[in-house]
């Protein structure tokens, strides 16, 4: 088969890694070609064609006409393969980082190009600035990376014949020869965007026993996340927290993993959830927040994650004077307006009362201002530290579980087996054959998508509200 791939860019990051892994997985079975708005930053395992007009709008001096961009892609395709490609595998087409992309894809479809649209992230999931007002591509095949998104898109109108679940492959980290049990570092291997919930990681670090340095590997790329990140750095320094920022910039990542007592996660949102799988391949324990809807797939495969917590409760009384309830309600109403979703009278108030009915609220729903207030209280009063442990018993011994060695060994074996490249290759090739064999007629109901993500009961200010000092 002749497979072409398309993405906004090939900069270092999650989607670029997936495209690279897909090209490598089908090598020997398929001829490949990649279209992007710019050339890759390093060697790439396929020929890459840079096309003006495919990149982010924010990085372009002038808009390109969609029909011209589509014609440029078609000319390159037929130059490479006189009979054209069997399909064009498009990554993250429903994020409006390029406002012309849907029009470009429509022109390609009219020219007879079969599309496989793979979703890694939804604009409806707290990204109003990347939301397309127009309908998403119709009568094409779609791919998702977890069963939650599969169920969601089925409910949103896609047929099972045109929807493919392709979990990512996991590249094993080098198995550590050091136990790290007495290590003085706990590693949070993350690019520190707001959704990674840095405040919670800092709060957890107060409870490390024995004390350890929290090492956070990478700074954010986007300006939208940078102010929050800098303020967390200042906050950690001024309050004497043992935190090492940007550890992965100047230190070898594999060495950081090897030296760590355990790896941490505090994220409130993930697409696939590599963080729940990769640590085990290095022989390391993962500890922290579990995202139940993402982890369901892994647990069905046998990966044990029941030692992770799903909620970190803090007393509402600790943050009442902070005004967080008002900010939360205002942000919810603003999000409804941005996505043109009607908000009923009193809906935000009723939702807040629901999520704080027991007198506590999940730390992951709070913004940075309220999170800092909680951390200050814990640092200033030993009795409040004990009070938080009483509400959340898992805080007493972070990173400790009784069957640690056995769990690491079992989880490592399952991850290496179920998420290997041979398994990935088969899933990918099966999907490609179905795309070429089956014509489908269906479309995505965007209202149904939004109804799933924009729910007040799971509404986090870190995800939905712009950062405000």
Protein backbone atom coordinates (compact mmCIF):
# COMPACT_ATOMS: atom_id res chain seq x y z
CA UNK A 1 0.00 0.00 0.00
CA UNK A 2 0.97 3.62 -0.56
CA UNK A 3 0.31 5.64 2.60
CA UNK A 4 0.70 9.41 2.90
CA UNK A 5 0.65 11.18 6.27
CA UNK A 6 -0.28 14.79 6.97
CA UNK A 7 0.19 17.02 10.02
CA UNK A 8 0.69 20.70 10.80
CA UNK A 9 4.34 20.15 11.73
CA UNK A 10 6.96 17.56 12.71
CA UNK A 11 8.35 19.33 15.75
CA UNK A 12 9.44 17.20 18.68
CA UNK A 13 6.34 16.11 20.57
CA UNK A 14 3.64 13.50 21.03
CA UNK A 15 1.94 13.52 17.61
CA UNK A 16 5.24 13.66 15.75
CA UNK A 17 6.41 10.65 17.75
CA UNK A 18 3.26 8.76 16.79
CA UNK A 19 3.72 9.55 13.09
CA UNK A 20 7.33 8.40 13.30
CA UNK A 21 6.25 5.16 14.98
CA UNK A 22 3.57 4.56 12.35
CA UNK A 23 6.03 5.01 9.51
CA UNK A 24 8.46 2.64 11.21
CA UNK A 25 5.73 0.10 11.99
CA UNK A 26 4.55 -0.29 8.37
CA UNK A 27 8.03 -0.24 6.84
CA UNK A 28 8.34 -3.21 4.51
CA UNK A 29 4.56 -3.39 4.07
CA UNK A 30 3.87 0.12 2.79
CA UNK A 31 5.49 2.92 0.84
CA UNK A 32 5.24 6.14 2.83
CA UNK A 33 5.33 9.90 2.31
CA UNK A 34 4.77 12.69 4.84
CA UNK A 35 3.32 16.18 4.31
CA UNK A 36 3.83 18.89 6.93
CA UNK A 37 3.95 22.64 7.25
CA UNK A 38 7.71 22.50 7.81
CA UNK A 39 10.59 20.06 7.65
CA UNK A 40 11.36 17.94 10.75
CA UNK A 41 13.86 19.10 13.36
CA UNK A 42 15.83 15.83 13.10
CA UNK A 43 16.17 12.79 10.85
CA UNK A 44 12.84 11.25 9.90
CA UNK A 45 12.22 7.68 8.65
CA UNK A 46 10.29 8.80 5.54
CA UNK A 47 10.48 11.39 2.80
CA UNK A 48 8.97 14.65 4.07
CA UNK A 49 7.47 17.32 1.82
CA UNK A 50 7.05 20.78 3.33
CA UNK A 51 3.90 22.50 2.08
CA UNK A 52 3.23 26.20 2.60
CA UNK A 53 -0.21 26.63 4.10
CA UNK A 54 -0.23 23.46 6.24
CA UNK A 55 1.41 24.94 9.35
CA UNK A 56 -0.14 26.78 12.28
CA UNK A 57 -1.83 30.07 11.44
CA UNK A 58 0.20 31.68 14.22
CA UNK A 59 3.42 30.87 12.38
CA UNK A 60 2.35 32.13 8.96
CA UNK A 61 2.86 35.63 7.55
CA UNK A 62 0.00 35.35 5.11
CA UNK A 63 -2.91 32.92 4.64
CA UNK A 64 -2.79 30.45 1.74
CA UNK A 65 -5.74 29.64 -0.46
CA UNK A 66 -7.04 26.15 0.48
CA UNK A 67 -7.44 25.03 -3.13
CA UNK A 68 -3.84 25.98 -3.90
CA UNK A 69 -2.55 24.04 -0.89
CA UNK A 70 -4.61 21.01 -1.90
CA UNK A 71 -3.33 21.21 -5.47
CA UNK A 72 0.25 21.37 -4.22
CA UNK A 73 -0.32 18.19 -2.19
CA UNK A 74 -1.95 16.41 -5.14
CA UNK A 75 0.89 17.34 -7.50
CA UNK A 76 3.45 15.98 -5.04
CA UNK A 77 1.41 12.80 -4.52
CA UNK A 78 1.18 12.01 -8.22
CA UNK A 79 4.79 12.91 -8.76
CA UNK A 80 5.71 10.33 -6.13
CA UNK A 81 3.07 7.75 -7.11
CA UNK A 82 1.53 8.14 -10.58
CA UNK A 83 -1.48 6.11 -9.40
CA UNK A 84 -1.88 8.22 -6.27
CA UNK A 85 -1.93 7.03 -2.66
CA UNK A 86 -4.19 4.40 -1.14
CA UNK A 87 -5.05 6.76 1.69
CA UNK A 88 -4.03 9.99 3.40
CA UNK A 89 -3.61 9.55 7.16
CA UNK A 90 -4.35 12.97 8.70
CA UNK A 91 -3.41 13.68 12.32
CA UNK A 92 -5.44 15.96 14.60
CA UNK A 93 -7.56 17.49 11.82
CA UNK A 94 -10.23 18.78 14.21
CA UNK A 95 -7.95 21.26 15.98
CA UNK A 96 -8.23 24.59 14.21
CA UNK A 97 -4.55 25.43 14.51
CA UNK A 98 -4.90 26.03 10.78
CA UNK A 99 -8.29 27.51 9.92
CA UNK A 100 -8.04 26.37 6.30
CA UNK A 101 -7.34 22.70 7.01
CA UNK A 102 -10.93 21.45 6.73
CA UNK A 103 -11.27 23.22 3.38
CA UNK A 104 -7.98 21.68 2.21
CA UNK A 105 -9.18 18.21 3.19
CA UNK A 106 -12.49 18.81 1.41
CA UNK A 107 -10.66 19.64 -1.83
CA UNK A 108 -8.55 16.49 -1.46
CA UNK A 109 -11.66 14.37 -0.91
CA UNK A 110 -13.28 15.86 -4.03
CA UNK A 111 -10.15 14.83 -5.94
CA UNK A 112 -10.69 11.22 -4.83
CA UNK A 113 -8.24 10.99 -1.93
CA UNK A 114 -9.36 8.61 0.82
CA UNK A 115 -8.97 10.11 4.30
CA UNK A 116 -8.21 8.49 7.63
CA UNK A 117 -8.58 11.21 10.26
CA UNK A 118 -6.85 10.34 13.53
CA UNK A 119 -7.91 12.22 16.65
CA UNK A 120 -5.38 12.72 19.44
CA UNK A 121 -7.06 15.75 21.04
CA UNK A 122 -10.51 17.33 20.89
CA UNK A 123 -10.99 21.08 20.65
CA UNK A 124 -14.17 20.52 22.64
CA UNK A 125 -11.98 19.44 25.56
CA UNK A 126 -11.17 22.93 26.84
CA UNK A 127 -9.64 24.40 23.66
CA UNK A 128 -12.10 27.06 22.42
CA UNK A 129 -9.29 28.89 20.61
CA UNK A 130 -8.77 25.78 18.44
CA UNK A 131 -12.44 25.07 17.74
CA UNK A 132 -13.78 24.84 14.20
CA UNK A 133 -17.24 26.34 13.85
CA UNK A 134 -17.82 24.43 10.60
CA UNK A 135 -18.65 20.69 10.41
CA UNK A 136 -15.85 18.12 10.61
CA UNK A 137 -14.97 15.98 7.55
CA UNK A 138 -17.80 13.72 6.43
CA UNK A 139 -17.90 10.29 4.76
CA UNK A 140 -14.32 9.40 5.67
CA UNK A 141 -12.72 6.97 8.09
CA UNK A 142 -11.65 8.01 11.58
CA UNK A 143 -9.13 6.63 14.09
CA UNK A 144 -8.83 7.09 17.85
CA UNK A 145 -6.23 6.11 20.44
CA UNK A 146 -8.46 4.97 23.31
CA UNK A 147 -11.79 3.27 23.84
CA UNK A 148 -13.29 6.35 25.52
CA UNK A 149 -12.92 8.32 22.30
CA UNK A 150 -14.22 5.34 20.31
CA UNK A 151 -17.40 5.23 22.40
CA UNK A 152 -17.74 9.00 22.24
CA UNK A 153 -17.50 9.20 18.45
CA UNK A 154 -19.88 6.28 18.08
CA UNK A 155 -22.44 8.22 20.13
CA UNK A 156 -21.65 11.27 18.01
CA UNK A 157 -22.76 9.50 14.84
CA UNK A 158 -19.84 7.52 13.41
CA UNK A 159 -20.43 3.96 12.25
CA UNK A 160 -18.31 1.06 13.56
CA UNK A 161 -17.21 0.30 9.98
CA UNK A 162 -15.62 3.71 9.65
CA UNK A 163 -14.11 4.10 13.12
CA UNK A 164 -10.85 2.42 14.14
CA UNK A 165 -9.33 2.06 17.59
CA UNK A 166 -5.53 2.10 17.27
CA UNK A 167 -3.83 2.33 20.69
CA UNK A 168 -0.32 3.72 20.47
CA UNK A 169 2.75 1.56 20.74
CA UNK A 170 5.00 1.99 23.76
CA UNK A 171 8.73 2.16 23.26
CA UNK A 172 10.41 0.62 26.28
CA UNK A 173 12.70 2.72 28.42
CA UNK A 174 15.99 1.07 29.40
CA UNK A 175 15.40 -1.11 32.43
CA UNK A 176 17.01 0.50 35.45
CA UNK A 177 19.77 -1.37 37.24
CA UNK A 178 19.23 0.83 40.28
CA UNK A 179 16.29 0.18 42.56
CA UNK A 180 15.90 3.86 43.40
CA UNK A 181 14.25 2.83 46.69
CA UNK A 182 16.45 5.22 48.66
CA UNK A 183 16.76 7.68 45.79
CA UNK A 184 16.57 11.35 46.60
CA UNK A 185 14.61 12.21 43.45
CA UNK A 186 10.98 11.72 42.40
CA UNK A 187 10.56 12.33 38.67
CA UNK A 188 7.61 14.03 36.98
CA UNK A 189 8.49 13.40 33.29
CA UNK A 190 6.36 16.06 31.67
CA UNK A 191 6.31 19.21 29.58
CA UNK A 192 4.91 21.52 32.21
CA UNK A 193 1.75 22.88 30.59
CA UNK A 194 -1.12 23.88 32.87
CA UNK A 195 -3.06 20.65 32.31
CA UNK A 196 -0.20 18.72 33.87
CA UNK A 197 -1.30 20.24 37.18
CA UNK A 198 2.07 21.36 38.55
CA UNK A 199 0.48 22.65 41.74
CA UNK A 200 -0.63 19.16 42.70
CA UNK A 201 2.85 17.76 42.05
CA UNK A 202 4.30 20.46 44.33
CA UNK A 203 1.72 19.67 47.01
CA UNK A 204 2.54 15.96 46.84
CA UNK A 205 6.25 16.71 47.20
CA UNK A 206 5.62 18.05 50.72
CA UNK A 207 4.57 14.55 51.77
CA UNK A 208 7.51 12.58 50.31
CA UNK A 209 8.84 10.30 53.05
CA UNK A 210 11.78 10.32 53.34
CA UNK A 211 12.15 13.76 51.73
CA UNK A 212 13.07 13.86 48.05
CA UNK A 213 13.58 16.41 45.31
CA UNK A 214 10.71 16.66 42.83
CA UNK A 215 12.31 16.82 39.36
CA UNK A 216 10.15 18.21 36.53
CA UNK A 217 11.70 17.52 33.15
CA UNK A 218 10.60 20.13 30.61
CA UNK A 219 9.26 23.70 30.45
CA UNK A 220 6.18 24.51 28.34
CA UNK A 221 6.48 25.66 24.72
CA UNK A 222 3.40 27.84 24.47
CA UNK A 223 3.08 31.41 25.71
CA UNK A 224 -0.32 30.50 27.19
CA UNK A 225 1.37 28.16 29.70
CA UNK A 226 4.59 30.08 30.35
CA UNK A 227 3.27 32.67 32.83
CA UNK A 228 1.78 29.99 35.06
CA UNK A 229 4.99 27.97 34.87
CA UNK A 230 7.22 30.90 35.82
CA UNK A 231 4.97 31.76 38.74
CA UNK A 232 5.14 28.18 40.02
CA UNK A 233 8.94 28.36 39.85
CA UNK A 234 8.89 31.59 41.86
CA UNK A 235 6.42 30.12 44.33
CA UNK A 236 8.49 26.97 44.87
CA UNK A 237 11.62 29.05 45.45
CA UNK A 238 10.03 31.53 47.83
CA UNK A 239 8.42 28.76 49.90
CA UNK A 240 11.47 26.54 50.15
CA UNK A 241 10.03 23.59 48.22
CA UNK A 242 12.48 20.94 47.04
CA UNK A 243 11.73 21.18 43.34
CA UNK A 244 14.10 20.96 40.38
CA UNK A 245 12.66 22.52 37.22
CA UNK A 246 13.79 21.68 33.66
CA UNK A 247 15.79 18.68 34.87
CA UNK A 248 15.46 17.01 31.47
CA UNK A 249 16.92 19.99 29.62
CA UNK A 250 20.40 19.65 31.04
CA UNK A 251 20.46 16.06 32.35
CA UNK A 252 20.19 12.72 30.55
CA UNK A 253 16.58 11.54 30.74
CA UNK A 254 17.41 7.86 31.11
CA UNK A 255 19.74 8.69 33.98
CA UNK A 256 17.00 10.73 35.63
CA UNK A 257 14.65 7.75 35.42
CA UNK A 258 17.30 5.38 36.76
CA UNK A 259 18.06 7.57 39.77
CA UNK A 260 14.42 8.17 40.70
CA UNK A 261 12.69 6.60 43.68
CA UNK A 262 9.51 6.47 41.62
CA UNK A 263 7.80 8.41 38.81
CA UNK A 264 4.90 10.77 39.46
CA UNK A 265 1.82 11.85 37.56
CA UNK A 266 -0.66 14.59 38.50
CA UNK A 267 -2.13 15.38 35.06
CA UNK A 268 -5.85 16.15 34.78
CA UNK A 269 -6.01 15.37 31.05
CA UNK A 270 -4.29 12.88 28.76
CA UNK A 271 -4.91 11.71 25.21
CA UNK A 272 -3.45 8.22 25.13
CA UNK A 273 -1.73 8.15 28.52
CA UNK A 274 1.87 7.08 27.88
CA UNK A 275 2.68 8.17 31.42
CA UNK A 276 0.64 5.26 32.82
CA UNK A 277 2.64 2.69 30.84
CA UNK A 278 6.22 3.82 30.23
CA UNK A 279 7.54 3.86 33.82
CA UNK A 280 6.93 0.13 34.25
CA UNK A 281 9.14 -0.65 31.24
CA UNK A 282 12.05 0.96 33.08
CA UNK A 283 11.36 -1.09 36.19
CA UNK A 284 9.96 1.92 38.05
CA UNK A 285 6.79 2.42 40.07
CA UNK A 286 4.31 5.06 38.91
CA UNK A 287 2.37 6.90 41.62
CA UNK A 288 -0.11 9.75 41.63
CA UNK A 289 -3.43 10.69 40.02
CA UNK A 290 -5.33 8.17 37.91
CA UNK A 291 -7.54 9.28 35.01
CA UNK A 292 -10.17 6.57 35.16
CA UNK A 293 -11.55 6.93 31.63
CA UNK A 294 -8.04 6.80 30.10
CA UNK A 295 -6.71 4.02 32.34
CA UNK A 296 -9.70 1.74 31.71
CA UNK A 297 -8.07 0.31 28.57
CA UNK A 298 -4.81 -0.43 30.35
CA UNK A 299 -6.55 -2.06 33.31
CA UNK A 300 -8.61 -4.25 31.00
CA UNK A 301 -5.31 -5.46 29.55
CA UNK A 302 -4.19 -6.40 33.05
CA UNK A 303 -2.05 -3.40 34.03
CA UNK A 304 -2.50 -2.84 37.79
CA UNK A 305 -3.14 0.83 38.60
CA UNK A 306 -5.45 0.49 41.61
CA UNK A 307 -2.82 2.09 43.89
CA UNK A 308 -3.33 5.46 42.13
CA UNK A 309 -5.88 7.95 43.46
CA UNK A 310 -8.67 9.59 41.44
CA UNK A 311 -9.40 12.61 43.68
CA UNK A 312 -7.31 14.74 46.01
CA UNK A 313 -9.85 16.32 48.35
CA UNK A 314 -9.22 19.66 50.08
CA UNK A 315 -11.63 21.44 52.47
CA UNK A 316 -13.69 24.13 50.79
CA UNK A 317 -13.23 26.22 53.93
CA UNK A 318 -9.52 26.56 53.08
CA UNK A 319 -10.28 28.41 49.83
CA UNK A 320 -13.62 30.16 50.43
CA UNK A 321 -12.04 33.57 50.92
CA UNK A 322 -10.02 33.04 47.73
CA UNK A 323 -13.14 33.60 45.57
CA UNK A 324 -12.60 30.37 43.64
CA UNK A 325 -16.30 29.50 43.52
CA UNK A 326 -17.10 32.78 41.76
CA UNK A 327 -14.21 32.34 39.30
CA UNK A 328 -15.26 28.76 38.63
CA UNK A 329 -18.88 29.75 37.88
CA UNK A 330 -17.83 32.68 35.69
CA UNK A 331 -15.39 30.52 33.73
CA UNK A 332 -18.04 27.85 33.19
CA UNK A 333 -20.48 30.42 31.81
CA UNK A 334 -17.76 31.89 29.57
CA UNK A 335 -16.87 28.47 28.20
CA UNK A 336 -20.51 27.84 27.36
CA UNK A 337 -20.62 31.12 25.46
CA UNK A 338 -17.40 30.39 23.56
CA UNK A 339 -18.75 27.05 22.38
CA UNK A 340 -22.25 28.45 21.77
CA UNK A 341 -23.76 26.09 24.33
CA UNK A 342 -26.73 27.47 26.28
CA UNK A 343 -26.17 27.53 30.05
CA UNK A 344 -29.32 27.21 32.12
CA UNK A 345 -29.93 29.54 35.02
CA UNK A 346 -28.24 28.33 38.17
CA UNK A 347 -26.47 25.45 36.41
CA UNK A 348 -22.99 26.47 37.57
CA UNK A 349 -24.18 27.03 41.14
CA UNK A 350 -25.84 23.62 41.29
CA UNK A 351 -22.74 21.96 39.83
CA UNK A 352 -20.44 23.59 42.38
CA UNK A 353 -22.75 22.45 45.18
CA UNK A 354 -22.58 18.93 43.75
CA UNK A 355 -18.78 18.70 43.50
CA UNK A 356 -18.35 20.17 47.01
CA UNK A 357 -21.28 18.44 48.69
CA UNK A 358 -19.11 16.75 51.33
CA UNK A 359 -17.35 19.99 52.21
CA UNK A 360 -14.33 19.22 50.04
CA UNK A 361 -13.39 19.84 46.41
CA UNK A 362 -10.90 18.08 44.15
CA UNK A 363 -7.58 19.92 44.07
CA UNK A 364 -7.39 19.26 40.30
CA UNK A 365 -10.49 21.41 39.66
CA UNK A 366 -8.91 24.49 41.23
CA UNK A 367 -6.88 27.22 39.57
CA UNK A 368 -3.34 28.15 40.53
CA UNK A 369 -4.42 30.86 42.97
CA UNK A 370 -6.54 28.48 45.05
CA UNK A 371 -3.95 25.71 44.79
CA UNK A 372 -1.27 28.02 46.18
CA UNK A 373 -3.53 28.92 49.10
CA UNK A 374 -3.88 25.22 49.97
CA UNK A 375 -0.11 24.66 49.77
CA UNK A 376 0.58 27.69 51.97
CA UNK A 377 -1.78 26.37 54.64
CA UNK A 378 -0.15 22.93 54.62
CA UNK A 379 3.32 24.47 54.90
CA UNK A 380 2.37 26.84 57.70
CA UNK A 381 0.52 24.47 60.03
CA UNK A 382 1.48 20.88 60.89
CA UNK A 383 -2.07 20.13 62.04
CA UNK A 384 -3.41 21.03 58.58
CA UNK A 385 -0.88 18.68 57.02
CA UNK A 386 -2.26 15.90 59.20
CA UNK A 387 -5.82 16.96 58.38
CA UNK A 388 -5.13 16.55 54.66
CA UNK A 389 -3.67 13.09 55.26
CA UNK A 390 -6.78 12.14 57.23
CA UNK A 391 -8.96 13.11 54.25
CA UNK A 392 -6.56 11.53 51.74
CA UNK A 393 -4.81 8.56 53.43
CA UNK A 394 -2.64 7.92 50.35
CA UNK A 395 -0.68 11.07 51.25
CA UNK A 396 0.85 9.39 54.29
CA UNK A 397 3.32 7.34 52.26
CA UNK A 398 3.57 8.56 48.62
CA UNK A 399 5.10 5.98 46.32
CA UNK A 400 4.85 3.09 48.76
CA UNK A 401 2.84 -0.06 48.02
CA UNK A 402 3.13 -3.50 49.55
CA UNK A 403 3.61 -5.53 46.37
CA UNK A 404 5.87 -3.06 44.59
CA UNK A 405 8.39 -5.46 43.03
CA UNK A 406 5.76 -7.94 41.85
CA UNK A 407 3.56 -5.17 40.44
CA UNK A 408 6.42 -3.61 38.53
CA UNK A 409 7.39 -6.97 37.05
CA UNK A 410 3.81 -7.88 36.08
CA UNK A 411 2.99 -4.47 34.63
CA UNK A 412 6.25 -4.38 32.69
CA UNK A 413 5.53 -7.76 31.12
CA UNK A 414 1.99 -6.75 30.12
CA UNK A 415 3.01 -3.37 28.65
CA UNK A 416 5.84 -4.88 26.59
CA UNK A 417 3.48 -7.56 25.29
CA UNK A 418 0.23 -5.67 24.64
CA UNK A 419 1.74 -2.43 23.32
CA UNK A 420 4.61 -3.80 21.24
CA UNK A 421 5.41 -2.73 17.69
CA UNK A 422 4.26 -6.06 16.13
CA UNK A 423 0.83 -5.66 17.77
CA UNK A 424 0.73 -2.03 16.64
CA UNK A 425 1.70 -2.94 13.06
CA UNK A 426 -1.18 -5.41 12.80
CA UNK A 427 -3.74 -2.94 14.13
CA UNK A 428 -2.49 -0.23 11.80
CA UNK A 429 -2.42 -2.39 8.67
CA UNK A 430 -5.85 -3.82 9.46
CA UNK A 431 -7.23 -0.29 9.68
CA UNK A 432 -5.54 0.72 6.42
CA UNK A 433 -7.05 -2.26 4.58
CA UNK A 434 -10.50 -1.42 5.89
CA UNK A 435 -10.16 2.19 4.77
CA UNK A 436 -9.28 1.09 1.24
CA UNK A 437 -11.99 -1.61 1.13
CA UNK A 438 -14.97 0.18 2.67
CA UNK A 439 -16.74 3.35 1.68
CA UNK A 440 -18.61 4.95 4.55
CA UNK A 441 -21.31 7.57 4.86
CA UNK A 442 -21.43 9.24 8.25
CA UNK A 443 -20.64 12.50 10.01
CA UNK A 444 -19.73 13.76 13.48
CA UNK A 445 -22.39 15.43 15.61
CA UNK A 446 -20.32 18.20 17.20
CA UNK A 447 -23.03 19.01 19.73
CA UNK A 448 -22.75 15.50 21.14
CA UNK A 449 -18.97 15.86 21.43
CA UNK A 450 -19.26 19.11 23.34
CA UNK A 451 -21.90 17.70 25.69
CA UNK A 452 -19.44 15.01 26.76
CA UNK A 453 -16.53 17.32 27.52
CA UNK A 454 -18.24 20.48 28.77
CA UNK A 455 -19.74 19.03 31.95
CA UNK A 456 -19.78 21.14 35.10
CA UNK A 457 -19.10 18.13 37.35
CA UNK A 458 -15.64 17.66 35.79
CA UNK A 459 -14.93 21.30 34.95
CA UNK A 460 -11.34 22.23 35.87
CA UNK A 461 -10.12 25.82 35.87
CA UNK A 462 -6.66 24.62 34.80
CA UNK A 463 -8.16 23.33 31.56
CA UNK A 464 -10.86 25.85 30.79
CA UNK A 465 -9.94 29.18 32.37
CA UNK A 466 -7.12 31.47 31.11
CA UNK A 467 -4.33 31.96 33.61
CA UNK A 468 -4.84 34.97 35.85
CA UNK A 469 -2.35 35.98 38.50
